[in-house]
mmCIF file of all heavy atoms, coordinates in Angstrom:
data_MODEL
# 
_entry.id   MODEL 
# 
loop_
_atom_site.group_PDB 
_atom_site.id 
_atom_site.type_symbol 
_atom_site.label_atom_id 
_atom_site.label_alt_id 
_atom_site.label_comp_id 
_atom_site.label_asym_id 
_atom_site.label_entity_id 
_atom_site.label_seq_id 
_atom_site.pdbx_PDB_ins_code 
_atom_site.Cartn_x 
_atom_site.Cartn_y 
_atom_site.Cartn_z 
_atom_site.occupancy 
_atom_site.B_iso_or_equiv 
_atom_site.pdbx_formal_charge 
_atom_site.auth_seq_id 
_atom_site.auth_comp_id 
_atom_site.auth_asym_id 
_atom_site.auth_atom_id 
_atom_site.pdbx_PDB_model_num 
ATOM 1   N N   . GLU A 1 1  ? 0.976   3.047   5.794   1.00 0.00 ? 1  GLU A N   1 
ATOM 2   C CA  . GLU A 1 1  ? 0.880   1.776   5.105   1.00 0.00 ? 1  GLU A CA  1 
ATOM 3   C C   . GLU A 1 1  ? -0.199  1.776   4.032   1.00 0.00 ? 1  GLU A C   1 
ATOM 4   O O   . GLU A 1 1  ? -0.147  0.951   3.120   1.00 0.00 ? 1  GLU A O   1 
ATOM 5   C CB  . GLU A 1 1  ? 0.504   0.668   6.127   1.00 0.00 ? 1  GLU A CB  1 
ATOM 6   C CG  . GLU A 1 1  ? 1.553   0.544   7.243   1.00 0.00 ? 1  GLU A CG  1 
ATOM 7   C CD  . GLU A 1 1  ? 1.065   1.290   8.517   1.00 0.00 ? 1  GLU A CD  1 
ATOM 8   O OE1 . GLU A 1 1  ? 0.362   2.290   8.368   1.00 0.00 ? 1  GLU A OE1 1 
ATOM 9   O OE2 . GLU A 1 1  ? 1.478   0.889   9.614   1.00 0.00 ? 1  GLU A OE2 1 
ATOM 10  N N   . GLY A 1 2  ? -1.232  2.615   4.138   1.00 0.00 ? 2  GLY A N   1 
ATOM 11  C CA  . GLY A 1 2  ? -2.299  2.661   3.176   1.00 0.00 ? 2  GLY A CA  1 
ATOM 12  C C   . GLY A 1 2  ? -3.692  2.485   3.778   1.00 0.00 ? 2  GLY A C   1 
ATOM 13  O O   . GLY A 1 2  ? -3.811  2.359   4.988   1.00 0.00 ? 2  GLY A O   1 
ATOM 14  N N   . LEU A 1 3  ? -4.660  2.416   2.920   1.00 0.00 ? 3  LEU A N   1 
ATOM 15  C CA  . LEU A 1 3  ? -6.089  2.310   3.403   1.00 0.00 ? 3  LEU A CA  1 
ATOM 16  C C   . LEU A 1 3  ? -6.348  0.963   4.040   1.00 0.00 ? 3  LEU A C   1 
ATOM 17  O O   . LEU A 1 3  ? -7.100  0.927   5.015   1.00 0.00 ? 3  LEU A O   1 
ATOM 18  C CB  . LEU A 1 3  ? -7.023  2.531   2.233   1.00 0.00 ? 3  LEU A CB  1 
ATOM 19  C CG  . LEU A 1 3  ? -8.503  2.573   2.561   1.00 0.00 ? 3  LEU A CG  1 
ATOM 20  C CD1 . LEU A 1 3  ? -8.833  3.725   3.500   1.00 0.00 ? 3  LEU A CD1 1 
ATOM 21  C CD2 . LEU A 1 3  ? -9.366  2.634   1.260   1.00 0.00 ? 3  LEU A CD2 1 
ATOM 22  N N   . CYS A 1 4  ? -5.789  -0.117  3.562   1.00 0.00 ? 4  CYS A N   1 
ATOM 23  C CA  . CYS A 1 4  ? -6.049  -1.422  4.120   1.00 0.00 ? 4  CYS A CA  1 
ATOM 24  C C   . CYS A 1 4  ? -5.697  -1.469  5.626   1.00 0.00 ? 4  CYS A C   1 
ATOM 25  O O   . CYS A 1 4  ? -6.496  -1.939  6.439   1.00 0.00 ? 4  CYS A O   1 
ATOM 26  C CB  . CYS A 1 4  ? -5.253  -2.495  3.436   1.00 0.00 ? 4  CYS A CB  1 
ATOM 27  S SG  . CYS A 1 4  ? -5.714  -2.777  1.697   1.00 0.00 ? 4  CYS A SG  1 
ATOM 28  N N   . HIS A 1 5  ? -4.574  -0.860  5.981   1.00 0.00 ? 5  HIS A N   1 
ATOM 29  C CA  . HIS A 1 5  ? -4.184  -0.809  7.400   1.00 0.00 ? 5  HIS A CA  1 
ATOM 30  C C   . HIS A 1 5  ? -4.991  0.171   8.196   1.00 0.00 ? 5  HIS A C   1 
ATOM 31  O O   . HIS A 1 5  ? -5.344  -0.101  9.337   1.00 0.00 ? 5  HIS A O   1 
ATOM 32  C CB  . HIS A 1 5  ? -2.675  -0.471  7.487   1.00 0.00 ? 5  HIS A CB  1 
ATOM 33  C CG  . HIS A 1 5  ? -1.771  -1.631  7.206   1.00 0.00 ? 5  HIS A CG  1 
ATOM 34  N ND1 . HIS A 1 5  ? -1.575  -2.139  5.958   1.00 0.00 ? 5  HIS A ND1 1 
ATOM 35  C CD2 . HIS A 1 5  ? -1.005  -2.375  8.072   1.00 0.00 ? 5  HIS A CD2 1 
ATOM 36  C CE1 . HIS A 1 5  ? -0.737  -3.155  6.037   1.00 0.00 ? 5  HIS A CE1 1 
ATOM 37  N NE2 . HIS A 1 5  ? -0.379  -3.333  7.271   1.00 0.00 ? 5  HIS A NE2 1 
ATOM 38  N N   . GLU A 1 6  ? -5.297  1.282   7.594   1.00 0.00 ? 6  GLU A N   1 
ATOM 39  C CA  . GLU A 1 6  ? -6.128  2.277   8.279   1.00 0.00 ? 6  GLU A CA  1 
ATOM 40  C C   . GLU A 1 6  ? -7.460  1.685   8.737   1.00 0.00 ? 6  GLU A C   1 
ATOM 41  O O   . GLU A 1 6  ? -7.985  2.008   9.777   1.00 0.00 ? 6  GLU A O   1 
ATOM 42  C CB  . GLU A 1 6  ? -6.334  3.504   7.387   1.00 0.00 ? 6  GLU A CB  1 
ATOM 43  C CG  . GLU A 1 6  ? -7.094  4.630   8.144   1.00 0.00 ? 6  GLU A CG  1 
ATOM 44  C CD  . GLU A 1 6  ? -7.065  5.914   7.327   1.00 0.00 ? 6  GLU A CD  1 
ATOM 45  O OE1 . GLU A 1 6  ? -5.959  6.512   7.185   1.00 0.00 ? 6  GLU A OE1 1 
ATOM 46  O OE2 . GLU A 1 6  ? -8.120  6.328   6.832   1.00 0.00 ? 6  GLU A OE2 1 
ATOM 47  N N   . LEU A 1 7  ? -8.004  0.783   7.865   1.00 0.00 ? 7  LEU A N   1 
ATOM 48  C CA  . LEU A 1 7  ? -9.302  0.191   8.170   1.00 0.00 ? 7  LEU A CA  1 
ATOM 49  C C   . LEU A 1 7  ? -9.180  -1.160  8.916   1.00 0.00 ? 7  LEU A C   1 
ATOM 50  O O   . LEU A 1 7  ? -10.181 -1.790  9.211   1.00 0.00 ? 7  LEU A O   1 
ATOM 51  C CB  . LEU A 1 7  ? -10.075 0.003   6.870   1.00 0.00 ? 7  LEU A CB  1 
ATOM 52  C CG  . LEU A 1 7  ? -10.416 1.216   6.090   1.00 0.00 ? 7  LEU A CG  1 
ATOM 53  C CD1 . LEU A 1 7  ? -11.177 0.873   4.814   1.00 0.00 ? 7  LEU A CD1 1 
ATOM 54  C CD2 . LEU A 1 7  ? -11.222 2.243   6.905   1.00 0.00 ? 7  LEU A CD2 1 
ATOM 55  N N   . GLY A 1 8  ? -7.918  -1.576  9.203   1.00 0.00 ? 8  GLY A N   1 
ATOM 56  C CA  . GLY A 1 8  ? -7.730  -2.837  9.863   1.00 0.00 ? 8  GLY A CA  1 
ATOM 57  C C   . GLY A 1 8  ? -8.091  -4.059  9.065   1.00 0.00 ? 8  GLY A C   1 
ATOM 58  O O   . GLY A 1 8  ? -8.425  -5.126  9.601   1.00 0.00 ? 8  GLY A O   1 
ATOM 59  N N   . LEU A 1 9  ? -7.919  -3.939  7.728   1.00 0.00 ? 9  LEU A N   1 
ATOM 60  C CA  . LEU A 1 9  ? -8.355  -5.022  6.824   1.00 0.00 ? 9  LEU A CA  1 
ATOM 61  C C   . LEU A 1 9  ? -7.178  -5.615  6.026   1.00 0.00 ? 9  LEU A C   1 
ATOM 62  O O   . LEU A 1 9  ? -7.365  -6.401  5.075   1.00 0.00 ? 9  LEU A O   1 
ATOM 63  C CB  . LEU A 1 9  ? -9.391  -4.560  5.850   1.00 0.00 ? 9  LEU A CB  1 
ATOM 64  C CG  . LEU A 1 9  ? -10.721 -4.137  6.477   1.00 0.00 ? 9  LEU A CG  1 
ATOM 65  C CD1 . LEU A 1 9  ? -11.606 -3.412  5.432   1.00 0.00 ? 9  LEU A CD1 1 
ATOM 66  C CD2 . LEU A 1 9  ? -11.458 -5.315  7.057   1.00 0.00 ? 9  LEU A CD2 1 
ATOM 67  N N   . SER A 1 10 ? -5.950  -5.252  6.419   1.00 0.00 ? 10 SER A N   1 
ATOM 68  C CA  . SER A 1 10 ? -4.807  -5.661  5.597   1.00 0.00 ? 10 SER A CA  1 
ATOM 69  C C   . SER A 1 10 ? -4.670  -7.167  5.442   1.00 0.00 ? 10 SER A C   1 
ATOM 70  O O   . SER A 1 10 ? -4.300  -7.660  4.381   1.00 0.00 ? 10 SER A O   1 
ATOM 71  C CB  . SER A 1 10 ? -3.504  -5.059  6.176   1.00 0.00 ? 10 SER A CB  1 
ATOM 72  O OG  . SER A 1 10 ? -3.293  -5.534  7.488   1.00 0.00 ? 10 SER A OG  1 
ATOM 73  N N   . ARG A 1 11 ? -5.000  -7.920  6.521   1.00 0.00 ? 11 ARG A N   1 
ATOM 74  C CA  . ARG A 1 11 ? -4.831  -9.342  6.429   1.00 0.00 ? 11 ARG A CA  1 
ATOM 75  C C   . ARG A 1 11 ? -5.979  -10.047 5.704   1.00 0.00 ? 11 ARG A C   1 
ATOM 76  O O   . ARG A 1 11 ? -5.921  -11.276 5.417   1.00 0.00 ? 11 ARG A O   1 
ATOM 77  C CB  . ARG A 1 11 ? -4.659  -9.950  7.835   1.00 0.00 ? 11 ARG A CB  1 
ATOM 78  C CG  . ARG A 1 11 ? -3.352  -9.544  8.493   1.00 0.00 ? 11 ARG A CG  1 
ATOM 79  C CD  . ARG A 1 11 ? -3.086  -10.317 9.765   1.00 0.00 ? 11 ARG A CD  1 
ATOM 80  N NE  . ARG A 1 11 ? -1.744  -10.021 10.288  1.00 0.00 ? 11 ARG A NE  1 
ATOM 81  C CZ  . ARG A 1 11 ? -0.625  -10.590 9.909   1.00 0.00 ? 11 ARG A CZ  1 
ATOM 82  N NH1 . ARG A 1 11 ? -0.694  -11.557 8.983   1.00 0.00 ? 11 ARG A NH1 1 
ATOM 83  N NH2 . ARG A 1 11 ? 0.554   -10.252 10.419  1.00 0.00 ? 11 ARG A NH2 1 
ATOM 84  N N   . GLU A 1 12 ? -7.023  -9.281  5.428   1.00 0.00 ? 12 GLU A N   1 
ATOM 85  C CA  . GLU A 1 12 ? -8.151  -9.857  4.684   1.00 0.00 ? 12 GLU A CA  1 
ATOM 86  C C   . GLU A 1 12 ? -7.998  -9.709  3.188   1.00 0.00 ? 12 GLU A C   1 
ATOM 87  O O   . GLU A 1 12 ? -8.766  -10.266 2.403   1.00 0.00 ? 12 GLU A O   1 
ATOM 88  C CB  . GLU A 1 12 ? -9.464  -9.140  5.077   1.00 0.00 ? 12 GLU A CB  1 
ATOM 89  C CG  . GLU A 1 12 ? -9.733  -9.161  6.571   1.00 0.00 ? 12 GLU A CG  1 
ATOM 90  C CD  . GLU A 1 12 ? -10.018 -10.591 7.092   1.00 0.00 ? 12 GLU A CD  1 
ATOM 91  O OE1 . GLU A 1 12 ? -10.471 -11.410 6.278   1.00 0.00 ? 12 GLU A OE1 1 
ATOM 92  O OE2 . GLU A 1 12 ? -9.756  -10.843 8.255   1.00 0.00 ? 12 GLU A OE2 1 
ATOM 93  N N   . VAL A 1 13 ? -6.979  -8.921  2.756   1.00 0.00 ? 13 VAL A N   1 
ATOM 94  C CA  . VAL A 1 13 ? -6.691  -8.692  1.346   1.00 0.00 ? 13 VAL A CA  1 
ATOM 95  C C   . VAL A 1 13 ? -5.601  -9.662  0.902   1.00 0.00 ? 13 VAL A C   1 
ATOM 96  O O   . VAL A 1 13 ? -4.577  -9.799  1.543   1.00 0.00 ? 13 VAL A O   1 
ATOM 97  C CB  . VAL A 1 13 ? -6.263  -7.242  1.092   1.00 0.00 ? 13 VAL A CB  1 
ATOM 98  C CG1 . VAL A 1 13 ? -5.898  -7.064  -0.387  1.00 0.00 ? 13 VAL A CG1 1 
ATOM 99  C CG2 . VAL A 1 13 ? -7.414  -6.317  1.514   1.00 0.00 ? 13 VAL A CG2 1 
ATOM 100 N N   . ASP A 1 14 ? -5.812  -10.353 -0.197  1.00 0.00 ? 14 ASP A N   1 
ATOM 101 C CA  . ASP A 1 14 ? -4.875  -11.370 -0.675  1.00 0.00 ? 14 ASP A CA  1 
ATOM 102 C C   . ASP A 1 14 ? -3.553  -10.769 -1.241  1.00 0.00 ? 14 ASP A C   1 
ATOM 103 O O   . ASP A 1 14 ? -2.485  -11.241 -0.949  1.00 0.00 ? 14 ASP A O   1 
ATOM 104 C CB  . ASP A 1 14 ? -5.505  -12.287 -1.707  1.00 0.00 ? 14 ASP A CB  1 
ATOM 105 C CG  . ASP A 1 14 ? -6.716  -13.036 -1.119  1.00 0.00 ? 14 ASP A CG  1 
ATOM 106 O OD1 . ASP A 1 14 ? -6.483  -13.953 -0.315  1.00 0.00 ? 14 ASP A OD1 1 
ATOM 107 O OD2 . ASP A 1 14 ? -7.842  -12.635 -1.436  1.00 0.00 ? 14 ASP A OD2 1 
ATOM 108 N N   . ILE A 1 15 ? -3.723  -9.742  -2.054  1.00 0.00 ? 15 ILE A N   1 
ATOM 109 C CA  . ILE A 1 15 ? -2.526  -9.131  -2.692  1.00 0.00 ? 15 ILE A CA  1 
ATOM 110 C C   . ILE A 1 15 ? -2.653  -7.622  -2.539  1.00 0.00 ? 15 ILE A C   1 
ATOM 111 O O   . ILE A 1 15 ? -3.601  -6.975  -2.975  1.00 0.00 ? 15 ILE A O   1 
ATOM 112 C CB  . ILE A 1 15 ? -2.445  -9.459  -4.209  1.00 0.00 ? 15 ILE A CB  1 
ATOM 113 C CG1 . ILE A 1 15 ? -2.405  -10.974 -4.409  1.00 0.00 ? 15 ILE A CG1 1 
ATOM 114 C CG2 . ILE A 1 15 ? -1.240  -8.791  -4.832  1.00 0.00 ? 15 ILE A CG2 1 
ATOM 115 C CD1 . ILE A 1 15 ? -3.717  -11.564 -4.878  1.00 0.00 ? 15 ILE A CD1 1 
ATOM 116 N N   . ILE A 1 16 ? -1.655  -7.018  -1.886  1.00 0.00 ? 16 ILE A N   1 
ATOM 117 C CA  . ILE A 1 16 ? -1.577  -5.566  -1.753  1.00 0.00 ? 16 ILE A CA  1 
ATOM 118 C C   . ILE A 1 16 ? -0.471  -5.053  -2.626  1.00 0.00 ? 16 ILE A C   1 
ATOM 119 O O   . ILE A 1 16 ? 0.723   -5.421  -2.448  1.00 0.00 ? 16 ILE A O   1 
ATOM 120 C CB  . ILE A 1 16 ? -1.335  -5.119  -0.284  1.00 0.00 ? 16 ILE A CB  1 
ATOM 121 C CG1 . ILE A 1 16 ? -2.468  -5.596  0.643   1.00 0.00 ? 16 ILE A CG1 1 
ATOM 122 C CG2 . ILE A 1 16 ? -1.141  -3.623  -0.205  1.00 0.00 ? 16 ILE A CG2 1 
ATOM 123 C CD1 . ILE A 1 16 ? -2.222  -5.339  2.111   1.00 0.00 ? 16 ILE A CD1 1 
ATOM 124 N N   . MET A 1 17 ? -0.766  -4.211  -3.591  1.00 0.00 ? 17 MET A N   1 
ATOM 125 C CA  . MET A 1 17 ? 0.210   -3.649  -4.464  1.00 0.00 ? 17 MET A CA  1 
ATOM 126 C C   . MET A 1 17 ? 0.351   -2.142  -4.110  1.00 0.00 ? 17 MET A C   1 
ATOM 127 O O   . MET A 1 17 ? -0.619  -1.493  -3.711  1.00 0.00 ? 17 MET A O   1 
ATOM 128 C CB  . MET A 1 17 ? -0.200  -3.798  -5.921  1.00 0.00 ? 17 MET A CB  1 
ATOM 129 C CG  . MET A 1 17 ? 0.657   -3.102  -6.941  1.00 0.00 ? 17 MET A CG  1 
ATOM 130 S SD  . MET A 1 17 ? 0.046   -1.437  -7.269  1.00 0.00 ? 17 MET A SD  1 
ATOM 131 C CE  . MET A 1 17 ? 1.174   -0.898  -8.521  1.00 0.00 ? 17 MET A CE  1 
ATOM 132 N N   . GLY A 1 18 ? 1.534   -1.643  -4.221  1.00 0.00 ? 18 GLY A N   1 
ATOM 133 C CA  . GLY A 1 18 ? 1.784   -0.195  -4.018  1.00 0.00 ? 18 GLY A CA  1 
ATOM 134 C C   . GLY A 1 18 ? 2.968   0.276   -4.802  1.00 0.00 ? 18 GLY A C   1 
ATOM 135 O O   . GLY A 1 18 ? 3.669   -0.473  -5.425  1.00 0.00 ? 18 GLY A O   1 
ATOM 136 N N   . THR A 1 19 ? 3.158   1.613   -4.816  1.00 0.00 ? 19 THR A N   1 
ATOM 137 C CA  . THR A 1 19 ? 4.250   2.161   -5.628  1.00 0.00 ? 19 THR A CA  1 
ATOM 138 C C   . THR A 1 19 ? 5.098   3.101   -4.742  1.00 0.00 ? 19 THR A C   1 
ATOM 139 O O   . THR A 1 19 ? 4.715   3.539   -3.689  1.00 0.00 ? 19 THR A O   1 
ATOM 140 C CB  . THR A 1 19 ? 3.722   2.987   -6.838  1.00 0.00 ? 19 THR A CB  1 
ATOM 141 O OG1 . THR A 1 19 ? 2.997   4.132   -6.333  1.00 0.00 ? 19 THR A OG1 1 
ATOM 142 C CG2 . THR A 1 19 ? 2.832   2.150   -7.691  1.00 0.00 ? 19 THR A CG2 1 
ATOM 143 N N   . PHE A 1 20 ? 6.327   3.380   -5.296  1.00 0.00 ? 20 PHE A N   1 
ATOM 144 C CA  . PHE A 1 20 ? 7.217   4.312   -4.658  1.00 0.00 ? 20 PHE A CA  1 
ATOM 145 C C   . PHE A 1 20 ? 7.346   5.611   -5.438  1.00 0.00 ? 20 PHE A C   1 
ATOM 146 O O   . PHE A 1 20 ? 8.191   6.453   -5.159  1.00 0.00 ? 20 PHE A O   1 
ATOM 147 C CB  . PHE A 1 20 ? 8.611   3.670   -4.533  1.00 0.00 ? 20 PHE A CB  1 
ATOM 148 C CG  . PHE A 1 20 ? 8.618   2.408   -3.744  1.00 0.00 ? 20 PHE A CG  1 
ATOM 149 C CD1 . PHE A 1 20 ? 8.955   1.198   -4.406  1.00 0.00 ? 20 PHE A CD1 1 
ATOM 150 C CD2 . PHE A 1 20 ? 8.283   2.359   -2.406  1.00 0.00 ? 20 PHE A CD2 1 
ATOM 151 C CE1 . PHE A 1 20 ? 8.933   0.011   -3.711  1.00 0.00 ? 20 PHE A CE1 1 
ATOM 152 C CE2 . PHE A 1 20 ? 8.284   1.150   -1.757  1.00 0.00 ? 20 PHE A CE2 1 
ATOM 153 C CZ  . PHE A 1 20 ? 8.628   -0.029  -2.381  1.00 0.00 ? 20 PHE A CZ  1 
ATOM 154 N N   . SER A 1 21 ? 6.534   5.778   -6.482  1.00 0.00 ? 21 SER A N   1 
ATOM 155 C CA  . SER A 1 21 ? 6.682   6.887   -7.419  1.00 0.00 ? 21 SER A CA  1 
ATOM 156 C C   . SER A 1 21 ? 5.786   8.104   -7.055  1.00 0.00 ? 21 SER A C   1 
ATOM 157 O O   . SER A 1 21 ? 5.816   9.080   -7.781  1.00 0.00 ? 21 SER A O   1 
ATOM 158 C CB  . SER A 1 21 ? 6.339   6.427   -8.847  1.00 0.00 ? 21 SER A CB  1 
ATOM 159 O OG  . SER A 1 21 ? 5.061   5.852   -8.875  1.00 0.00 ? 21 SER A OG  1 
ATOM 160 N N   . LYS A 1 22 ? 5.059   7.974   -5.939  1.00 0.00 ? 22 LYS A N   1 
ATOM 161 C CA  . LYS A 1 22 ? 4.150   9.069   -5.611  1.00 0.00 ? 22 LYS A CA  1 
ATOM 162 C C   . LYS A 1 22 ? 4.570   9.664   -4.209  1.00 0.00 ? 22 LYS A C   1 
ATOM 163 O O   . LYS A 1 22 ? 5.473   10.434  -4.163  1.00 0.00 ? 22 LYS A O   1 
ATOM 164 C CB  . LYS A 1 22 ? 2.705   8.564   -5.619  1.00 0.00 ? 22 LYS A CB  1 
ATOM 165 C CG  . LYS A 1 22 ? 2.383   8.132   -7.055  1.00 0.00 ? 22 LYS A CG  1 
ATOM 166 C CD  . LYS A 1 22 ? 1.079   7.378   -7.175  1.00 0.00 ? 22 LYS A CD  1 
ATOM 167 C CE  . LYS A 1 22 ? 0.802   7.008   -8.606  1.00 0.00 ? 22 LYS A CE  1 
ATOM 168 N NZ  . LYS A 1 22 ? 1.755   6.050   -9.173  1.00 0.00 ? 22 LYS A NZ  1 
ATOM 169 N N   . ALA A 1 23 ? 3.924   9.267   -3.160  1.00 0.00 ? 23 ALA A N   1 
ATOM 170 C CA  . ALA A 1 23 ? 4.277   9.848   -1.870  1.00 0.00 ? 23 ALA A CA  1 
ATOM 171 C C   . ALA A 1 23 ? 5.738   9.554   -1.448  1.00 0.00 ? 23 ALA A C   1 
ATOM 172 O O   . ALA A 1 23 ? 6.309   10.374  -0.725  1.00 0.00 ? 23 ALA A O   1 
ATOM 173 C CB  . ALA A 1 23 ? 3.321   9.315   -0.793  1.00 0.00 ? 23 ALA A CB  1 
ATOM 174 N N   . PHE A 1 24 ? 6.295   8.486   -1.969  1.00 0.00 ? 24 PHE A N   1 
ATOM 175 C CA  . PHE A 1 24 ? 7.675   8.116   -1.636  1.00 0.00 ? 24 PHE A CA  1 
ATOM 176 C C   . PHE A 1 24 ? 8.710   8.961   -2.429  1.00 0.00 ? 24 PHE A C   1 
ATOM 177 O O   . PHE A 1 24 ? 9.898   8.975   -2.096  1.00 0.00 ? 24 PHE A O   1 
ATOM 178 C CB  . PHE A 1 24 ? 7.920   6.673   -1.836  1.00 0.00 ? 24 PHE A CB  1 
ATOM 179 C CG  . PHE A 1 24 ? 7.359   5.755   -0.818  1.00 0.00 ? 24 PHE A CG  1 
ATOM 180 C CD1 . PHE A 1 24 ? 6.019   5.533   -0.753  1.00 0.00 ? 24 PHE A CD1 1 
ATOM 181 C CD2 . PHE A 1 24 ? 8.158   5.216   0.169   1.00 0.00 ? 24 PHE A CD2 1 
ATOM 182 C CE1 . PHE A 1 24 ? 5.440   4.666   0.235   1.00 0.00 ? 24 PHE A CE1 1 
ATOM 183 C CE2 . PHE A 1 24 ? 7.610   4.375   1.145   1.00 0.00 ? 24 PHE A CE2 1 
ATOM 184 C CZ  . PHE A 1 24 ? 6.249   4.120   1.173   1.00 0.00 ? 24 PHE A CZ  1 
ATOM 185 N N   . GLY A 1 25 ? 8.249   9.657   -3.453  1.00 0.00 ? 25 GLY A N   1 
ATOM 186 C CA  . GLY A 1 25 ? 9.140   10.517  -4.202  1.00 0.00 ? 25 GLY A CA  1 
ATOM 187 C C   . GLY A 1 25 ? 10.239  9.844   -4.990  1.00 0.00 ? 25 GLY A C   1 
ATOM 188 O O   . GLY A 1 25 ? 11.232  10.447  -5.364  1.00 0.00 ? 25 GLY A O   1 
ATOM 189 N N   . SER A 1 26 ? 10.108  8.511   -5.219  1.00 0.00 ? 26 SER A N   1 
ATOM 190 C CA  . SER A 1 26 ? 11.169  7.817   -5.945  1.00 0.00 ? 26 SER A CA  1 
ATOM 191 C C   . SER A 1 26 ? 10.579  7.060   -7.136  1.00 0.00 ? 26 SER A C   1 
ATOM 192 O O   . SER A 1 26 ? 9.882   7.669   -7.979  1.00 0.00 ? 26 SER A O   1 
ATOM 193 C CB  . SER A 1 26 ? 11.865  6.826   -4.957  1.00 0.00 ? 26 SER A CB  1 
ATOM 194 O OG  . SER A 1 26 ? 12.982  6.203   -5.581  1.00 0.00 ? 26 SER A OG  1 
ATOM 195 N N   . TYR A 1 27 ? 10.795  5.782   -7.229  1.00 0.00 ? 27 TYR A N   1 
ATOM 196 C CA  . TYR A 1 27 ? 10.349  4.997   -8.414  1.00 0.00 ? 27 TYR A CA  1 
ATOM 197 C C   . TYR A 1 27 ? 10.275  3.523   -8.010  1.00 0.00 ? 27 TYR A C   1 
ATOM 198 O O   . TYR A 1 27 ? 11.003  3.089   -7.120  1.00 0.00 ? 27 TYR A O   1 
ATOM 199 C CB  . TYR A 1 27 ? 11.315  5.205   -9.581  1.00 0.00 ? 27 TYR A CB  1 
ATOM 200 C CG  . TYR A 1 27 ? 10.834  4.600   -10.879 1.00 0.00 ? 27 TYR A CG  1 
ATOM 201 C CD1 . TYR A 1 27 ? 9.792   5.123   -11.553 1.00 0.00 ? 27 TYR A CD1 1 
ATOM 202 C CD2 . TYR A 1 27 ? 11.483  3.466   -11.426 1.00 0.00 ? 27 TYR A CD2 1 
ATOM 203 C CE1 . TYR A 1 27 ? 9.352   4.566   -12.735 1.00 0.00 ? 27 TYR A CE1 1 
ATOM 204 C CE2 . TYR A 1 27 ? 11.050  2.884   -12.626 1.00 0.00 ? 27 TYR A CE2 1 
ATOM 205 C CZ  . TYR A 1 27 ? 9.996   3.457   -13.267 1.00 0.00 ? 27 TYR A CZ  1 
ATOM 206 O OH  . TYR A 1 27 ? 9.500   2.906   -14.454 1.00 0.00 ? 27 TYR A OH  1 
ATOM 207 N N   . GLY A 1 28 ? 9.440   2.765   -8.687  1.00 0.00 ? 28 GLY A N   1 
ATOM 208 C CA  . GLY A 1 28 ? 9.321   1.372   -8.423  1.00 0.00 ? 28 GLY A CA  1 
ATOM 209 C C   . GLY A 1 28 ? 7.973   0.977   -7.791  1.00 0.00 ? 28 GLY A C   1 
ATOM 210 O O   . GLY A 1 28 ? 7.113   1.870   -7.535  1.00 0.00 ? 28 GLY A O   1 
ATOM 211 N N   . ALA A 1 29 ? 7.763   -0.287  -7.549  1.00 0.00 ? 29 ALA A N   1 
ATOM 212 C CA  . ALA A 1 29 ? 6.492   -0.760  -6.987  1.00 0.00 ? 29 ALA A CA  1 
ATOM 213 C C   . ALA A 1 29 ? 6.743   -2.057  -6.233  1.00 0.00 ? 29 ALA A C   1 
ATOM 214 O O   . ALA A 1 29 ? 7.868   -2.649  -6.286  1.00 0.00 ? 29 ALA A O   1 
ATOM 215 C CB  . ALA A 1 29 ? 5.469   -1.016  -8.084  1.00 0.00 ? 29 ALA A CB  1 
# 
C-alpha cells in the first residue's frame, strides 16, 4: 500500500496519491 500504511498513518493523511507506472509495471495514477 505504501509508506503511509507501513507506518500506520494512512487515515491521518488527507490525500494519498500514487501511480501505476513504476512497481505496478503499467500506467496511470
